[in-house]
């Protein structure tokens, strides 16, 4: 019995292994493109990079001028904001906050008295 089953088992084993290989390879031989072809299609090749032209120092000075103006504006806004906060008393780091619980409690009792007096 074993000599009859053994060839059947071997043929079944090779069929299963071939089908799993075909499934992994997407039905056998695949037609892959080279990296260069893919780069040309997606325009990510060095041939498609911009070619520099003109004087780099004039572009550098123009860009640095814009950056310096932005730096000057942001610094001046920060200084004006800090001065305004100082003038309004936002920087009371050494003074403990005043307790206003008594004022709130007094206001609540006054409001309650007004409500109950109207009823």
PDB file of N, CA and C in Angstrom:
ATOM      1  N   UNK A   1       0.820  -1.196   0.000  1.00  0.00           N
ATOM      2  CA  UNK A   1       0.000   0.000   0.000  1.00  0.00           C
ATOM      3  C   UNK A   1       0.863   1.258   0.000  1.00  0.00           C
ATOM      4  N   UNK A   2       1.934   1.227   0.781  1.00  0.00           N
ATOM      5  CA  UNK A   2       2.820   2.389   0.859  1.00  0.00           C
ATOM      6  C   UNK A   2       3.460   2.718  -0.489  1.00  0.00           C
ATOM      7  N   UNK A   3       3.881   1.748  -1.302  1.00  0.00           N
ATOM      8  CA  UNK A   3       4.442   2.100  -2.602  1.00  0.00           C
ATOM      9  C   UNK A   3       3.426   2.774  -3.524  1.00  0.00           C
ATOM     10  N   UNK A   4       2.146   2.500  -3.351  1.00  0.00           N
ATOM     11  CA  UNK A   4       1.132   3.154  -4.173  1.00  0.00           C
ATOM     12  C   UNK A   4       0.868   4.592  -3.703  1.00  0.00           C
ATOM     13  N   UNK A   5       0.925   4.848  -2.422  1.00  0.00           N
ATOM     14  CA  UNK A   5       0.609   6.167  -1.859  1.00  0.00           C
ATOM     15  C   UNK A   5       1.792   7.119  -1.990  1.00  0.00           C
ATOM     16  N   UNK A   6       2.986   6.609  -1.938  1.00  0.00           N
ATOM     17  CA  UNK A   6       4.180   7.454  -1.979  1.00  0.00           C
ATOM     18  C   UNK A   6       4.289   8.276  -3.266  1.00  0.00           C
ATOM     19  N   UNK A   7       4.112   7.720  -4.465  1.00  0.00           N
ATOM     20  CA  UNK A   7       4.166   8.570  -5.660  1.00  0.00           C
ATOM     21  C   UNK A   7       3.052   9.608  -5.691  1.00  0.00           C
ATOM     22  N   UNK A   8       1.884   9.238  -5.198  1.00  0.00           N
ATOM     23  CA  UNK A   8       0.780  10.195  -5.143  1.00  0.00           C
ATOM     24  C   UNK A   8       1.095  11.339  -4.187  1.00  0.00           C
ATOM     25  N   UNK A   9       1.702  11.009  -3.054  1.00  0.00           N
ATOM     26  CA  UNK A   9       2.075  12.037  -2.086  1.00  0.00           C
ATOM     27  C   UNK A   9       3.150  12.958  -2.654  1.00  0.00           C
ATOM     28  N   UNK A  10       4.109  12.390  -3.382  1.00  0.00           N
ATOM     29  CA  UNK A  10       5.164  13.220  -3.992  1.00  0.00           C
ATOM     30  C   UNK A  10       4.598  14.151  -5.056  1.00  0.00           C
ATOM     31  N   UNK A  11       3.704  13.636  -5.897  1.00  0.00           N
ATOM     32  CA  UNK A  11       3.119  14.508  -6.928  1.00  0.00           C
ATOM     33  C   UNK A  11       2.259  15.593  -6.296  1.00  0.00           C
ATOM     34  N   UNK A  12       1.548  15.264  -5.234  1.00  0.00           N
ATOM     35  CA  UNK A  12       0.739  16.267  -4.532  1.00  0.00           C
ATOM     36  C   UNK A  12       1.628  17.324  -3.884  1.00  0.00           C
ATOM     37  N   UNK A  13       2.746  16.891  -3.321  1.00  0.00           N
ATOM     38  CA  UNK A  13       3.680  17.824  -2.686  1.00  0.00           C
ATOM     39  C   UNK A  13       4.272  18.784  -3.714  1.00  0.00           C
ATOM     40  N   UNK A  14       4.665  18.325  -4.861  1.00  0.00           N
ATOM     41  CA  UNK A  14       5.242  19.214  -5.881  1.00  0.00           C
ATOM     42  C   UNK A  14       4.188  20.131  -6.469  1.00  0.00           C
ATOM     43  N   UNK A  15       2.962  19.660  -6.609  1.00  0.00           N
ATOM     44  CA  UNK A  15       1.889  20.519  -7.125  1.00  0.00           C
ATOM     45  C   UNK A  15       1.597  21.654  -6.156  1.00  0.00           C
ATOM     46  N   UNK A  16       1.538  21.319  -4.886  1.00  0.00           N
ATOM     47  CA  UNK A  16       1.262  22.349  -3.875  1.00  0.00           C
ATOM     48  C   UNK A  16       2.407  23.350  -3.817  1.00  0.00           C
ATOM     49  N   UNK A  17       3.640  22.868  -3.897  1.00  0.00           N
ATOM     50  CA  UNK A  17       4.764  23.807  -3.814  1.00  0.00           C
ATOM     51  C   UNK A  17       4.818  24.700  -5.053  1.00  0.00           C
ATOM     52  N   UNK A  18       4.501  24.165  -6.237  1.00  0.00           N
ATOM     53  CA  UNK A  18       4.493  24.999  -7.442  1.00  0.00           C
ATOM     54  C   UNK A  18       3.386  26.036  -7.402  1.00  0.00           C
ATOM     55  N   UNK A  19       2.218  25.654  -6.920  1.00  0.00           N
ATOM     56  CA  UNK A  19       1.117  26.608  -6.874  1.00  0.00           C
ATOM     57  C   UNK A  19       1.395  27.712  -5.856  1.00  0.00           C
ATOM     58  N   UNK A  20       2.054  27.380  -4.741  1.00  0.00           N
ATOM     59  CA  UNK A  20       2.365  28.423  -3.765  1.00  0.00           C
ATOM     60  C   UNK A  20       3.418  29.382  -4.318  1.00  0.00           C
ATOM     61  N   UNK A  21       4.377  28.839  -5.114  1.00  0.00           N
ATOM     62  CA  UNK A  21       5.379  29.702  -5.728  1.00  0.00           C
ATOM     63  C   UNK A  21       4.723  30.612  -6.756  1.00  0.00           C
ATOM     64  N   UNK A  22       3.809  30.072  -7.544  1.00  0.00           N
ATOM     65  CA  UNK A  22       3.109  30.887  -8.536  1.00  0.00           C
ATOM     66  C   UNK A  22       2.268  31.970  -7.864  1.00  0.00           C
ATOM     67  N   UNK A  23       1.661  31.650  -6.733  1.00  0.00           N
ATOM     68  CA  UNK A  23       0.857  32.644  -6.027  1.00  0.00           C
ATOM     69  C   UNK A  23       1.748  33.754  -5.479  1.00  0.00           C
ATOM     70  N   UNK A  24       2.932  33.392  -5.016  1.00  0.00           N
ATOM     71  CA  UNK A  24       3.841  34.408  -4.481  1.00  0.00           C
ATOM     72  C   UNK A  24       4.400  35.297  -5.588  1.00  0.00           C
ATOM     73  N   UNK A  25       4.615  34.710  -6.770  1.00  0.00           N
ATOM     74  CA  UNK A  25       5.199  35.474  -7.871  1.00  0.00           C
ATOM     75  C   UNK A  25       4.153  36.128  -8.768  1.00  0.00           C
ATOM     76  N   UNK A  26       2.917  36.129  -8.343  1.00  0.00           N
ATOM     77  CA  UNK A  26       1.839  36.723  -9.130  1.00  0.00           C
ATOM     78  C   UNK A  26       1.735  36.025 -10.484  1.00  0.00           C
ATOM     79  N   UNK A  27       1.530  34.735 -10.468  1.00  0.00           N
ATOM     80  CA  UNK A  27       1.327  33.911 -11.659  1.00  0.00           C
ATOM     81  C   UNK A  27       2.580  33.788 -12.489  1.00  0.00           C
ATOM     82  N   UNK A  28       3.679  33.584 -11.879  1.00  0.00           N
ATOM     83  CA  UNK A  28       4.881  33.265 -12.630  1.00  0.00           C
ATOM     84  C   UNK A  28       5.753  34.462 -12.902  1.00  0.00           C
ATOM     85  N   UNK A  29       6.259  34.504 -14.123  1.00  0.00           N
ATOM     86  CA  UNK A  29       7.241  35.523 -14.499  1.00  0.00           C
ATOM     87  C   UNK A  29       6.598  36.911 -14.551  1.00  0.00           C
ATOM     88  N   UNK A  30       7.202  37.849 -13.868  1.00  0.00           N
ATOM     89  CA  UNK A  30       6.689  39.216 -13.860  1.00  0.00           C
ATOM     90  C   UNK A  30       7.581  40.099 -14.719  1.00  0.00           C
ATOM     91  N   UNK A  31       6.996  41.033 -15.412  1.00  0.00           N
ATOM     92  CA  UNK A  31       7.746  41.958 -16.246  1.00  0.00           C
ATOM     93  C   UNK A  31       8.004  43.224 -15.440  1.00  0.00           C
ATOM     94  N   UNK A  32       9.116  43.267 -14.739  1.00  0.00           N
ATOM     95  CA  UNK A  32       9.441  44.402 -13.899  1.00  0.00           C
ATOM     96  C   UNK A  32      10.186  45.445 -14.710  1.00  0.00           C
ATOM     97  N   UNK A  33       9.962  46.703 -14.350  1.00  0.00           N
ATOM     98  CA  UNK A  33      10.686  47.803 -14.987  1.00  0.00           C
ATOM     99  C   UNK A  33      11.960  48.063 -14.190  1.00  0.00           C
ATOM    100  N   UNK A  34      12.937  48.584 -14.856  1.00  0.00           N
ATOM    101  CA  UNK A  34      14.168  48.926 -14.153  1.00  0.00           C
ATOM    102  C   UNK A  34      13.950  50.211 -13.362  1.00  0.00           C
ATOM    103  N   UNK A  35      14.837  50.455 -12.424  1.00  0.00           N
ATOM    104  CA  UNK A  35      14.734  51.667 -11.608  1.00  0.00           C
ATOM    105  C   UNK A  35      14.843  52.910 -12.479  1.00  0.00           C
ATOM    106  N   UNK A  36      15.665  52.864 -13.482  1.00  0.00           N
ATOM    107  CA  UNK A  36      15.831  54.013 -14.370  1.00  0.00           C
ATOM    108  C   UNK A  36      14.532  54.321 -15.127  1.00  0.00           C
ATOM    109  N   UNK A  37      13.840  53.268 -15.591  1.00  0.00           N
ATOM    110  CA  UNK A  37      12.568  53.482 -16.290  1.00  0.00           C
ATOM    111  C   UNK A  37      11.514  54.080 -15.362  1.00  0.00           C
ATOM    112  N   UNK A  38      11.480  53.597 -14.147  1.00  0.00           N
ATOM    113  CA  UNK A  38      10.520  54.145 -13.176  1.00  0.00           C
ATOM    114  C   UNK A  38      10.854  55.589 -12.863  1.00  0.00           C
ATOM    115  N   UNK A  39      12.133  55.907 -12.718  1.00  0.00           N
ATOM    116  CA  UNK A  39      12.542  57.292 -12.463  1.00  0.00           C
ATOM    117  C   UNK A  39      12.154  58.205 -13.613  1.00  0.00           C
ATOM    118  N   UNK A  40      12.306  57.735 -14.824  1.00  0.00           N
ATOM    119  CA  UNK A  40      11.941  58.553 -15.985  1.00  0.00           C
ATOM    120  C   UNK A  40      10.434  58.791 -16.037  1.00  0.00           C
ATOM    121  N   UNK A  41       9.631  57.777 -15.672  1.00  0.00           N
ATOM    122  CA  UNK A  41       8.179  57.928 -15.694  1.00  0.00           C
ATOM    123  C   UNK A  41       7.689  58.883 -14.611  1.00  0.00           C
ATOM    124  N   UNK A  42       8.293  58.814 -13.435  1.00  0.00           N
ATOM    125  CA  UNK A  42       7.844  59.657 -12.330  1.00  0.00           C
ATOM    126  C   UNK A  42       8.579  60.992 -12.273  1.00  0.00           C
ATOM    127  N   UNK A  43       9.425  61.246 -13.237  1.00  0.00           N
ATOM    128  CA  UNK A  43      10.193  62.498 -13.338  1.00  0.00           C
ATOM    129  C   UNK A  43      11.048  62.737 -12.093  1.00  0.00           C
ATOM    130  N   UNK A  44      11.591  61.661 -11.531  1.00  0.00           N
ATOM    131  CA  UNK A  44      12.439  61.803 -10.342  1.00  0.00           C
ATOM    132  C   UNK A  44      13.899  61.507 -10.664  1.00  0.00           C
ATOM    133  N   UNK A  45      14.251  61.618 -11.890  1.00  0.00           N
ATOM    134  CA  UNK A  45      15.619  61.368 -12.329  1.00  0.00           C
ATOM    135  C   UNK A  45      16.401  62.675 -12.265  1.00  0.00           C
ATOM    136  N   UNK A  46      17.707  62.588 -12.203  1.00  0.00           N
ATOM    137  CA  UNK A  46      18.526  63.799 -12.125  1.00  0.00           C
ATOM    138  C   UNK A  46      18.416  64.647 -13.386  1.00  0.00           C
ATOM    139  N   UNK A  47      17.993  64.044 -14.499  1.00  0.00           N
ATOM    140  CA  UNK A  47      17.820  64.817 -15.723  1.00  0.00           C
ATOM    141  C   UNK A  47      16.683  65.824 -15.601  1.00  0.00           C
ATOM    142  N   UNK A  48      15.773  65.612 -14.652  1.00  0.00           N
ATOM    143  CA  UNK A  48      14.607  66.479 -14.509  1.00  0.00           C
ATOM    144  C   UNK A  48      14.770  67.511 -13.397  1.00  0.00           C
ATOM    145  N   UNK A  49      15.900  67.560 -12.747  1.00  0.00           N
ATOM    146  CA  UNK A  49      16.146  68.575 -11.723  1.00  0.00           C
ATOM    147  C   UNK A  49      16.372  69.931 -12.391  1.00  0.00           C
ATOM    148  N   UNK A  50      16.018  71.029 -11.704  1.00  0.00           N
ATOM    149  CA  UNK A  50      16.241  72.347 -12.308  1.00  0.00           C
ATOM    150  C   UNK A  50      17.729  72.653 -12.444  1.00  0.00           C
ATOM    151  N   UNK A  51      18.061  73.362 -13.492  1.00  0.00           N
ATOM    152  CA  UNK A  51      19.451  73.737 -13.749  1.00  0.00           C
ATOM    153  C   UNK A  51      19.661  75.134 -13.188  1.00  0.00           C
ATOM    154  N   UNK A  52      20.604  75.321 -12.270  1.00  0.00           N
ATOM    155  CA  UNK A  52      20.822  76.645 -11.697  1.00  0.00           C
ATOM    156  C   UNK A  52      21.361  77.612 -12.742  1.00  0.00           C
ATOM    157  N   UNK A  53      20.847  78.825 -12.661  1.00  0.00           N
ATOM    158  CA  UNK A  53      21.318  79.856 -13.585  1.00  0.00           C
ATOM    159  C   UNK A  53      21.257  81.203 -12.867  1.00  0.00           C
ATOM    160  N   UNK A  54      22.063  82.133 -13.264  1.00  0.00           N
ATOM    161  CA  UNK A  54      22.098  83.444 -12.642  1.00  0.00           C
ATOM    162  C   UNK A  54      23.149  83.513 -11.548  1.00  0.00           C
ATOM    163  N   UNK A  55      23.216  84.675 -10.936  1.00  0.00           N
ATOM    164  CA  UNK A  55      24.204  84.929  -9.901  1.00  0.00           C
ATOM    165  C   UNK A  55      23.643  84.504  -8.542  1.00  0.00           C
ATOM    166  N   UNK A  56      24.331  83.591  -7.864  1.00  0.00           N
ATOM    167  CA  UNK A  56      23.819  83.104  -6.593  1.00  0.00           C
ATOM    168  C   UNK A  56      23.926  84.159  -5.499  1.00  0.00           C
ATOM    169  N   UNK A  57      24.894  85.054  -5.592  1.00  0.00           N
ATOM    170  CA  UNK A  57      25.074  86.041  -4.519  1.00  0.00           C
ATOM    171  C   UNK A  57      23.930  87.047  -4.499  1.00  0.00           C
ATOM    172  N   UNK A  58      23.409  87.418  -5.656  1.00  0.00           N
ATOM    173  CA  UNK A  58      22.277  88.360  -5.658  1.00  0.00           C
ATOM    174  C   UNK A  58      21.025  87.692  -5.093  1.00  0.00           C
ATOM    175  N   UNK A  59      20.792  86.411  -5.417  1.00  0.00           N
ATOM    176  CA  UNK A  59      19.661  85.693  -4.819  1.00  0.00           C
ATOM    177  C   UNK A  59      19.845  85.543  -3.323  1.00  0.00           C
ATOM    178  N   UNK A  60      21.068  85.271  -2.894  1.00  0.00           N
ATOM    179  CA  UNK A  60      21.352  85.118  -1.471  1.00  0.00           C
ATOM    180  C   UNK A  60      21.073  86.418  -0.719  1.00  0.00           C
ATOM    181  N   UNK A  61      21.537  87.540  -1.273  1.00  0.00           N
ATOM    182  CA  UNK A  61      21.318  88.837  -0.611  1.00  0.00           C
ATOM    183  C   UNK A  61      19.836  89.181  -0.557  1.00  0.00           C
ATOM    184  N   UNK A  62      19.089  88.879  -1.636  1.00  0.00           N
ATOM    185  CA  UNK A  62      17.657  89.175  -1.662  1.00  0.00           C
ATOM    186  C   UNK A  62      16.925  88.337  -0.606  1.00  0.00           C
ATOM    187  N   UNK A  63      17.251  87.052  -0.529  1.00  0.00           N
ATOM    188  CA  UNK A  63      16.607  86.193   0.470  1.00  0.00           C
ATOM    189  C   UNK A  63      16.972  86.610   1.884  1.00  0.00           C
ATOM    190  N   UNK A  64      18.233  86.941   2.121  1.00  0.00           N
ATOM    191  CA  UNK A  64      18.647  87.363   3.458  1.00  0.00           C
ATOM    192  C   UNK A  64      17.995  88.679   3.851  1.00  0.00           C
ATOM    193  N   UNK A  65      17.759  89.559   2.873  1.00  0.00           N
ATOM    194  CA  UNK A  65      17.051  90.808   3.160  1.00  0.00           C
ATOM    195  C   UNK A  65      15.634  90.539   3.647  1.00  0.00           C
ATOM    196  N   UNK A  66      14.938  89.593   2.998  1.00  0.00           N
ATOM    197  CA  UNK A  66      13.581  89.231   3.434  1.00  0.00           C
ATOM    198  C   UNK A  66      13.610  88.632   4.840  1.00  0.00           C
ATOM    199  N   UNK A  67      14.578  87.763   5.090  1.00  0.00           N
ATOM    200  CA  UNK A  67      14.667  87.131   6.404  1.00  0.00           C
ATOM    201  C   UNK A  67      14.994  88.150   7.494  1.00  0.00           C
ATOM    202  N   UNK A  68      15.831  89.116   7.183  1.00  0.00           N
ATOM    203  CA  UNK A  68      16.172  90.147   8.170  1.00  0.00           C
ATOM    204  C   UNK A  68      14.971  91.025   8.491  1.00  0.00           C
ATOM    205  N   UNK A  69      14.147  91.343   7.488  1.00  0.00           N
ATOM    206  CA  UNK A  69      12.939  92.133   7.735  1.00  0.00           C
ATOM    207  C   UNK A  69      11.984  91.349   8.624  1.00  0.00           C
ATOM    208  N   UNK A  70      11.806  90.048   8.358  1.00  0.00           N
ATOM    209  CA  UNK A  70      10.944  89.222   9.197  1.00  0.00           C
ATOM    210  C   UNK A  70      11.461  89.154  10.629  1.00  0.00           C
ATOM    211  N   UNK A  71      12.767  89.036  10.786  1.00  0.00           N
ATOM    212  CA  UNK A  71      13.357  88.989  12.119  1.00  0.00           C
ATOM    213  C   UNK A  71      13.159  90.308  12.856  1.00  0.00           C
ATOM    214  N   UNK A  72      13.338  91.416  12.159  1.00  0.00           N
ATOM    215  CA  UNK A  72      13.156  92.735  12.769  1.00  0.00           C
ATOM    216  C   UNK A  72      11.708  92.948  13.197  1.00  0.00           C
ATOM    217  N   UNK A  73      10.762  92.577  12.328  1.00  0.00           N
ATOM    218  CA  UNK A  73       9.344  92.746  12.670  1.00  0.00           C
ATOM    219  C   UNK A  73       8.944  91.872  13.853  1.00  0.00           C
ATOM    220  N   UNK A  74       9.332  90.620  13.850  1.00  0.00           N
ATOM    221  CA  UNK A  74       8.935  89.735  14.942  1.00  0.00           C
ATOM    222  C   UNK A  74       9.578  90.154  16.260  1.00  0.00           C
ATOM    223  N   UNK A  75      10.820  90.609  16.223  1.00  0.00           N
ATOM    224  CA  UNK A  75      11.476  91.069  17.449  1.00  0.00           C
ATOM    225  C   UNK A  75      10.818  92.321  17.984  1.00  0.00           C
ATOM    226  N   UNK A  76      10.484  93.266  17.098  1.00  0.00           N
ATOM    227  CA  UNK A  76       9.838  94.499  17.553  1.00  0.00           C
ATOM    228  C   UNK A  76       8.442  94.218  18.108  1.00  0.00           C
ATOM    229  N   UNK A  77       7.704  93.317  17.499  1.00  0.00           N
ATOM    230  CA  UNK A  77       6.383  92.964  18.025  1.00  0.00           C
ATOM    231  C   UNK A  77       6.519  92.311  19.399  1.00  0.00           C
ATOM    232  N   UNK A  78       7.518  91.447  19.576  1.00  0.00           N
ATOM    233  CA  UNK A  78       7.722  90.813  20.878  1.00  0.00           C
ATOM    234  C   UNK A  78       8.092  91.845  21.945  1.00  0.00           C
ATOM    235  N   UNK A  79       8.917  92.828  21.593  1.00  0.00           N
ATOM    236  CA  UNK A  79       9.304  93.857  22.559  1.00  0.00           C
ATOM    237  C   UNK A  79       8.112  94.726  22.930  1.00  0.00           C
ATOM    238  N   UNK A  80       7.316  95.132  21.932  1.00  0.00           N
ATOM    239  CA  UNK A  80       6.132  95.965  22.208  1.00  0.00           C
ATOM    240  C   UNK A  80       5.135  95.193  23.066  1.00  0.00           C
ATOM    241  N   UNK A  81       4.932  93.922  22.771  1.00  0.00           N
ATOM    242  CA  UNK A  81       4.011  93.110  23.568  1.00  0.00           C
ATOM    243  C   UNK A  81       4.516  92.952  24.997  1.00  0.00           C
ATOM    244  N   UNK A  82       5.795  92.690  25.163  1.00  0.00           N
ATOM    245  CA  UNK A  82       6.355  92.571  26.509  1.00  0.00           C
ATOM    246  C   UNK A  82       6.245  93.862  27.296  1.00  0.00           C
ATOM    247  N   UNK A  83       6.483  95.010  26.646  1.00  0.00           N
ATOM    248  CA  UNK A  83       6.360  96.295  27.332  1.00  0.00           C
ATOM    249  C   UNK A  83       4.913  96.559  27.733  1.00  0.00           C
ATOM    250  N   UNK A  84       3.965  96.225  26.845  1.00  0.00           N
ATOM    251  CA  UNK A  84       2.548  96.421  27.180  1.00  0.00           C
ATOM    252  C   UNK A  84       2.133  95.519  28.340  1.00  0.00           C
ATOM    253  N   UNK A  85       2.637  94.306  28.364  1.00  0.00           N
ATOM    254  CA  UNK A  85       2.321  93.406  29.473  1.00  0.00           C
ATOM    255  C   UNK A  85       2.930  93.912  30.774  1.00  0.00           C
ATOM    256  N   UNK A  86       4.121  94.490  30.703  1.00  0.00           N
ATOM    257  CA  UNK A  86       4.755  95.039  31.899  1.00  0.00           C
ATOM    258  C   UNK A  86       3.965  96.238  32.433  1.00  0.00           C
ATOM    259  N   UNK A  87       3.483  97.081  31.511  1.00  0.00           N
ATOM    260  CA  UNK A  87       2.731  98.260  31.924  1.00  0.00           C
ATOM    261  C   UNK A  87       1.389  97.893  32.557  1.00  0.00           C
ATOM    262  N   UNK A  88       0.772  96.806  32.093  1.00  0.00           N
ATOM    263  CA  UNK A  88      -0.522  96.410  32.652  1.00  0.00           C
ATOM    264  C   UNK A  88      -0.379  95.563  33.909  1.00  0.00           C
ATOM    265  N   UNK A  89       0.839  95.172  34.273  1.00  0.00           N
ATOM    266  CA  UNK A  89       1.055  94.440  35.518  1.00  0.00           C
ATOM    267  C   UNK A  89       0.937  92.937  35.379  1.00  0.00           C
ATOM    268  N   UNK A  90       1.215  92.415  34.227  1.00  0.00           N
ATOM    269  CA  UNK A  90       1.149  90.956  34.037  1.00  0.00           C
ATOM    270  C   UNK A  90       2.305  90.232  34.696  1.00  0.00           C
ATOM    271  N   UNK A  91       3.395  90.920  34.953  1.00  0.00           N
ATOM    272  CA  UNK A  91       4.589  90.284  35.485  1.00  0.00           C
ATOM    273  C   UNK A  91       4.738  90.535  36.974  1.00  0.00           C
ATOM    274  N   UNK A  92       3.750  90.161  37.749  1.00  0.00           N
ATOM    275  CA  UNK A  92       3.828  90.272  39.203  1.00  0.00           C
ATOM    276  C   UNK A  92       4.345  88.961  39.762  1.00  0.00           C
ATOM    277  N   UNK A  93       5.572  88.636  39.464  1.00  0.00           N
ATOM    278  CA  UNK A  93       6.126  87.349  39.866  1.00  0.00           C
ATOM    279  C   UNK A  93       6.409  87.296  41.359  1.00  0.00           C
ATOM    280  N   UNK A  94       6.687  88.448  42.007  1.00  0.00           N
ATOM    281  CA  UNK A  94       7.072  88.445  43.412  1.00  0.00           C
ATOM    282  C   UNK A  94       5.910  88.773  44.331  1.00  0.00           C
ATOM    283  N   UNK A  95       4.762  89.059  43.750  1.00  0.00           N
ATOM    284  CA  UNK A  95       3.590  89.395  44.556  1.00  0.00           C
ATOM    285  C   UNK A  95       2.605  88.236  44.469  1.00  0.00           C
ATOM    286  N   UNK A  96       2.107  87.819  45.627  1.00  0.00           N
ATOM    287  CA  UNK A  96       1.116  86.741  45.612  1.00  0.00           C
ATOM    288  C   UNK A  96      -0.213  87.302  45.118  1.00  0.00           C
ATOM    289  N   UNK A  97      -1.023  86.499  44.477  1.00  0.00           N
ATOM    290  CA  UNK A  97      -2.303  87.002  43.987  1.00  0.00           C
ATOM    291  C   UNK A  97      -3.223  87.368  45.142  1.00  0.00           C
ATOM    292  N   UNK A  98      -4.001  88.396  44.916  1.00  0.00           N
ATOM    293  CA  UNK A  98      -4.927  88.840  45.961  1.00  0.00           C
ATOM    294  C   UNK A  98      -6.090  87.871  46.044  1.00  0.00           C
ATOM    295  N   UNK A  99      -6.491  87.615  47.265  1.00  0.00           N
ATOM    296  CA  UNK A  99      -7.619  86.713  47.453  1.00  0.00           C
ATOM    297  C   UNK A  99      -8.905  87.514  47.304  1.00  0.00           C
ATOM    298  N   UNK A 100      -9.733  87.046  46.402  1.00  0.00           N
ATOM    299  CA  UNK A 100     -10.970  87.773  46.159  1.00  0.00           C
ATOM    300  C   UNK A 100     -12.180  86.944  46.548  1.00  0.00           C
ATOM    301  N   UNK A 101     -11.961  85.931  47.387  1.00  0.00           N
ATOM    302  CA  UNK A 101     -13.083  85.076  47.781  1.00  0.00           C
ATOM    303  C   UNK A 101     -14.129  85.853  48.570  1.00  0.00           C
ATOM    304  N   UNK A 102     -13.678  86.775  49.406  1.00  0.00           N
ATOM    305  CA  UNK A 102     -14.628  87.567  50.188  1.00  0.00           C
ATOM    306  C   UNK A 102     -15.494  88.431  49.289  1.00  0.00           C
ATOM    307  N   UNK A 103     -14.894  89.022  48.243  1.00  0.00           N
ATOM    308  CA  UNK A 103     -15.661  89.855  47.323  1.00  0.00           C
ATOM    309  C   UNK A 103     -16.678  89.015  46.562  1.00  0.00           C
ATOM    310  N   UNK A 104     -16.279  87.825  46.159  1.00  0.00           N
ATOM    311  CA  UNK A 104     -17.206  86.967  45.427  1.00  0.00           C
ATOM    312  C   UNK A 104     -18.348  86.541  46.334  1.00  0.00           C
ATOM    313  N   UNK A 105     -18.027  86.197  47.558  1.00  0.00           N
ATOM    314  CA  UNK A 105     -19.063  85.778  48.497  1.00  0.00           C
ATOM    315  C   UNK A 105     -20.032  86.921  48.760  1.00  0.00           C
ATOM    316  N   UNK A 106     -19.506  88.148  48.930  1.00  0.00           N
ATOM    317  CA  UNK A 106     -20.384  89.297  49.146  1.00  0.00           C
ATOM    318  C   UNK A 106     -21.278  89.534  47.938  1.00  0.00           C
ATOM    319  N   UNK A 107     -20.738  89.401  46.744  1.00  0.00           N
ATOM    320  CA  UNK A 107     -21.534  89.587  45.534  1.00  0.00           C
ATOM    321  C   UNK A 107     -22.631  88.530  45.427  1.00  0.00           C
ATOM    322  N   UNK A 108     -22.305  87.288  45.806  1.00  0.00           N
ATOM    323  CA  UNK A 108     -23.308  86.230  45.750  1.00  0.00           C
ATOM    324  C   UNK A 108     -24.438  86.483  46.736  1.00  0.00           C
ATOM    325  N   UNK A 109     -24.108  86.921  47.929  1.00  0.00           N
ATOM    326  CA  UNK A 109     -25.166  87.186  48.913  1.00  0.00           C
ATOM    327  C   UNK A 109     -26.025  88.365  48.465  1.00  0.00           C
ATOM    328  N   UNK A 110     -25.421  89.380  47.850  1.00  0.00           N
ATOM    329  CA  UNK A 110     -26.201  90.497  47.329  1.00  0.00           C
ATOM    330  C   UNK A 110     -27.136  90.043  46.208  1.00  0.00           C
ATOM    331  N   UNK A 111     -26.656  89.168  45.341  1.00  0.00           N
ATOM    332  CA  UNK A 111     -27.488  88.669  44.258  1.00  0.00           C
ATOM    333  C   UNK A 111     -28.641  87.832  44.795  1.00  0.00           C
ATOM    334  N   UNK A 112     -28.353  87.008  45.806  1.00  0.00           N
ATOM    335  CA  UNK A 112     -29.409  86.188  46.405  1.00  0.00           C
ATOM    336  C   UNK A 112     -30.460  87.085  47.054  1.00  0.00           C
ATOM    337  N   UNK A 113     -30.001  88.125  47.734  1.00  0.00           N
ATOM    338  CA  UNK A 113     -30.944  89.035  48.399  1.00  0.00           C
ATOM    339  C   UNK A 113     -31.825  89.723  47.354  1.00  0.00           C
ATOM    340  N   UNK A 114     -31.246  90.125  46.213  1.00  0.00           N
ATOM    341  CA  UNK A 114     -32.030  90.781  45.171  1.00  0.00           C
ATOM    342  C   UNK A 114     -33.049  89.818  44.582  1.00  0.00           C
ATOM    343  N   UNK A 115     -32.658  88.590  44.372  1.00  0.00           N
ATOM    344  CA  UNK A 115     -33.579  87.613  43.773  1.00  0.00           C
ATOM    345  C   UNK A 115     -34.727  87.326  44.714  1.00  0.00           C
ATOM    346  N   UNK A 116     -34.431  87.095  46.012  1.00  0.00           N
ATOM    347  CA  UNK A 116     -35.485  86.757  46.964  1.00  0.00           C
ATOM    348  C   UNK A 116     -36.359  87.948  47.296  1.00  0.00           C
ATOM    349  N   UNK A 117     -35.834  89.157  47.145  1.00  0.00           N
ATOM    350  CA  UNK A 117     -36.669  90.323  47.439  1.00  0.00           C
ATOM    351  C   UNK A 117     -37.682  90.557  46.319  1.00  0.00           C
ATOM    352  N   UNK A 118     -37.377  90.113  45.114  1.00  0.00           N
ATOM    353  CA  UNK A 118     -38.304  90.283  43.992  1.00  0.00           C
ATOM    354  C   UNK A 118     -39.399  89.228  44.006  1.00  0.00           C
ATOM    355  N   UNK A 119     -39.175  88.106  44.679  1.00  0.00           N
ATOM    356  CA  UNK A 119     -40.154  87.027  44.681  1.00  0.00           C
ATOM    357  C   UNK A 119     -41.208  87.239  45.698  1.00  0.00           C
TER     358      UNK A 119
END
